[in-house]
Amino acid sequence: MMMRSILVVALVVALAACGRKGMPERPDDAVYPRDYPYTPLPAEPKKKTPDPTTNSAY
């Protein structure tokens, strides 16, 4: 019985200690962007087409 109550208290204390990590307070002078800049992906390299006059793929 005593071991179970110690375990429950330890769990409650552990959960209470990490409660503020999920919702930190926002600093007063912070400015966060609403829209991020557009960064296009690099173009994919063109694939080599096999030569129709030979049997090889390259």
N, C-alpha and C. Protein backbone atom coordinates (compact mmCIF):
# COMPACT_ATOMS: atom_id res chain seq x y z
N MET A 1 0.83 -1.19 0.00
CA MET A 1 0.00 0.00 0.00
C MET A 1 0.87 1.25 0.00
N MET A 2 1.91 1.26 0.81
CA MET A 2 2.80 2.41 0.90
C MET A 2 3.56 2.62 -0.41
N MET A 3 3.96 1.52 -1.04
CA MET A 3 4.71 1.60 -2.30
C MET A 3 3.83 2.18 -3.41
N ARG A 4 2.57 1.80 -3.42
CA ARG A 4 1.65 2.29 -4.44
C ARG A 4 1.42 3.80 -4.30
N SER A 5 1.28 4.28 -3.08
CA SER A 5 1.06 5.72 -2.87
C SER A 5 2.31 6.52 -3.25
N ILE A 6 3.48 5.98 -2.99
CA ILE A 6 4.72 6.66 -3.39
C ILE A 6 4.79 6.72 -4.92
N LEU A 7 4.41 5.65 -5.58
CA LEU A 7 4.43 5.62 -7.04
C LEU A 7 3.44 6.62 -7.62
N VAL A 8 2.27 6.72 -7.05
CA VAL A 8 1.27 7.68 -7.53
C VAL A 8 1.74 9.11 -7.32
N VAL A 9 2.32 9.41 -6.19
CA VAL A 9 2.84 10.75 -5.91
C VAL A 9 3.98 11.09 -6.88
N ALA A 10 4.85 10.13 -7.15
CA ALA A 10 5.95 10.37 -8.08
C ALA A 10 5.42 10.65 -9.49
N LEU A 11 4.40 9.93 -9.92
CA LEU A 11 3.80 10.17 -11.23
C LEU A 11 3.15 11.55 -11.31
N VAL A 12 2.44 11.94 -10.27
CA VAL A 12 1.78 13.24 -10.25
C VAL A 12 2.81 14.36 -10.29
N VAL A 13 3.88 14.23 -9.54
CA VAL A 13 4.92 15.25 -9.52
C VAL A 13 5.61 15.33 -10.90
N ALA A 14 5.86 14.19 -11.51
CA ALA A 14 6.52 14.18 -12.82
C ALA A 14 5.64 14.83 -13.88
N LEU A 15 4.35 14.56 -13.85
CA LEU A 15 3.44 15.16 -14.83
C LEU A 15 3.24 16.65 -14.58
N ALA A 16 3.24 17.07 -13.35
CA ALA A 16 3.06 18.48 -13.04
C ALA A 16 4.30 19.29 -13.43
N ALA A 17 5.46 18.68 -13.39
CA ALA A 17 6.70 19.40 -13.71
C ALA A 17 6.82 19.71 -15.19
N CYS A 18 6.23 18.88 -16.05
CA CYS A 18 6.39 19.11 -17.48
C CYS A 18 5.16 19.78 -18.10
N GLY A 19 4.29 20.31 -17.31
CA GLY A 19 3.06 20.90 -17.84
C GLY A 19 3.26 22.19 -18.59
N ARG A 20 4.26 23.00 -18.27
CA ARG A 20 4.46 24.30 -18.92
C ARG A 20 5.25 24.19 -20.22
N LYS A 21 5.83 23.07 -20.52
CA LYS A 21 6.62 22.94 -21.74
C LYS A 21 5.75 23.02 -22.98
N GLY A 22 4.52 22.60 -22.89
CA GLY A 22 3.65 22.57 -24.05
C GLY A 22 3.13 23.93 -24.45
N MET A 23 3.10 24.92 -23.56
CA MET A 23 2.55 26.23 -23.88
C MET A 23 3.45 27.32 -23.27
N PRO A 24 4.62 27.58 -23.89
CA PRO A 24 5.48 28.62 -23.34
C PRO A 24 4.89 30.02 -23.55
N GLU A 25 5.23 30.93 -22.69
CA GLU A 25 4.74 32.30 -22.82
C GLU A 25 5.46 33.01 -23.95
N ARG A 26 4.73 33.82 -24.70
CA ARG A 26 5.30 34.55 -25.83
C ARG A 26 5.98 35.81 -25.31
N PRO A 27 7.23 36.08 -25.73
CA PRO A 27 7.91 37.31 -25.30
C PRO A 27 7.16 38.54 -25.79
N ASP A 28 7.25 39.64 -25.04
CA ASP A 28 6.53 40.86 -25.37
C ASP A 28 7.00 41.50 -26.67
N ASP A 29 8.30 41.46 -26.96
CA ASP A 29 8.82 42.14 -28.14
C ASP A 29 9.03 41.20 -29.33
N ALA A 30 8.46 40.02 -29.30
CA ALA A 30 8.65 39.06 -30.38
C ALA A 30 7.69 39.34 -31.53
N VAL A 31 8.22 39.21 -32.75
CA VAL A 31 7.41 39.35 -33.96
C VAL A 31 7.60 38.08 -34.78
N TYR A 32 6.54 37.33 -34.93
CA TYR A 32 6.61 36.08 -35.67
C TYR A 32 6.01 36.27 -37.05
N PRO A 33 6.62 35.66 -38.08
CA PRO A 33 6.07 35.84 -39.43
C PRO A 33 4.74 35.10 -39.59
N ARG A 34 3.83 35.72 -40.29
CA ARG A 34 2.55 35.08 -40.59
C ARG A 34 2.66 34.24 -41.86
N ASP A 35 3.46 34.70 -42.81
CA ASP A 35 3.67 33.97 -44.06
C ASP A 35 5.17 33.74 -44.25
N TYR A 36 5.52 32.56 -44.65
CA TYR A 36 6.91 32.25 -44.90
C TYR A 36 7.24 32.51 -46.37
N PRO A 37 8.48 32.88 -46.68
CA PRO A 37 8.83 33.17 -48.08
C PRO A 37 8.74 31.91 -48.94
N TYR A 38 8.39 32.12 -50.19
CA TYR A 38 8.28 31.01 -51.14
C TYR A 38 9.68 30.58 -51.55
N THR A 39 10.01 29.33 -51.33
CA THR A 39 11.30 28.79 -51.75
C THR A 39 11.03 27.60 -52.65
N PRO A 40 11.16 27.80 -53.96
CA PRO A 40 10.86 26.70 -54.89
C PRO A 40 11.91 25.59 -54.79
N LEU A 41 11.49 24.40 -55.11
CA LEU A 41 12.40 23.27 -55.12
C LEU A 41 13.30 23.36 -56.36
N PRO A 42 14.52 22.84 -56.28
CA PRO A 42 15.37 22.88 -57.46
C PRO A 42 14.81 21.99 -58.57
N ALA A 43 15.07 22.38 -59.80
CA ALA A 43 14.57 21.61 -60.95
C ALA A 43 15.23 20.24 -61.00
N GLU A 44 14.45 19.25 -61.38
CA GLU A 44 14.99 17.90 -61.48
C GLU A 44 15.85 17.80 -62.74
N PRO A 45 16.95 17.06 -62.67
CA PRO A 45 17.78 16.91 -63.87
C PRO A 45 17.04 16.07 -64.91
N LYS A 46 17.28 16.39 -66.16
CA LYS A 46 16.62 15.65 -67.24
C LYS A 46 17.22 14.26 -67.35
N LYS A 47 16.36 13.28 -67.58
CA LYS A 47 16.81 11.90 -67.71
C LYS A 47 17.36 11.68 -69.11
N LYS A 48 18.37 10.84 -69.20
CA LYS A 48 18.94 10.52 -70.50
C LYS A 48 17.98 9.59 -71.24
N THR A 49 17.76 9.91 -72.48
CA THR A 49 16.90 9.04 -73.30
C THR A 49 17.78 8.04 -74.04
N PRO A 50 17.35 6.81 -74.12
CA PRO A 50 18.16 5.81 -74.81
C PRO A 50 18.20 6.08 -76.33
N ASP A 51 19.30 5.74 -76.92
CA ASP A 51 19.48 5.93 -78.35
C ASP A 51 18.71 4.82 -79.08
N PRO A 52 17.76 5.18 -79.95
CA PRO A 52 16.97 4.13 -80.61
C PRO A 52 17.76 3.32 -81.63
N THR A 53 18.94 3.79 -82.05
CA THR A 53 19.71 3.04 -83.06
C THR A 53 20.57 1.97 -82.44
N THR A 54 20.71 1.94 -81.11
CA THR A 54 21.52 0.90 -80.47
C THR A 54 20.63 0.10 -79.54
N ASN A 55 21.15 -1.01 -79.07
CA ASN A 55 20.40 -1.87 -78.14
C ASN A 55 20.70 -1.50 -76.69
N SER A 56 21.69 -0.66 -76.45
CA SER A 56 22.03 -0.33 -75.06
C SER A 56 21.10 0.76 -74.54
N ALA A 57 20.98 0.82 -73.24
CA ALA A 57 20.09 1.80 -72.63
C ALA A 57 20.74 3.16 -72.54
N TYR A 58 22.07 3.24 -72.66
CA TYR A 58 22.76 4.54 -72.54
C TYR A 58 23.67 4.78 -73.70
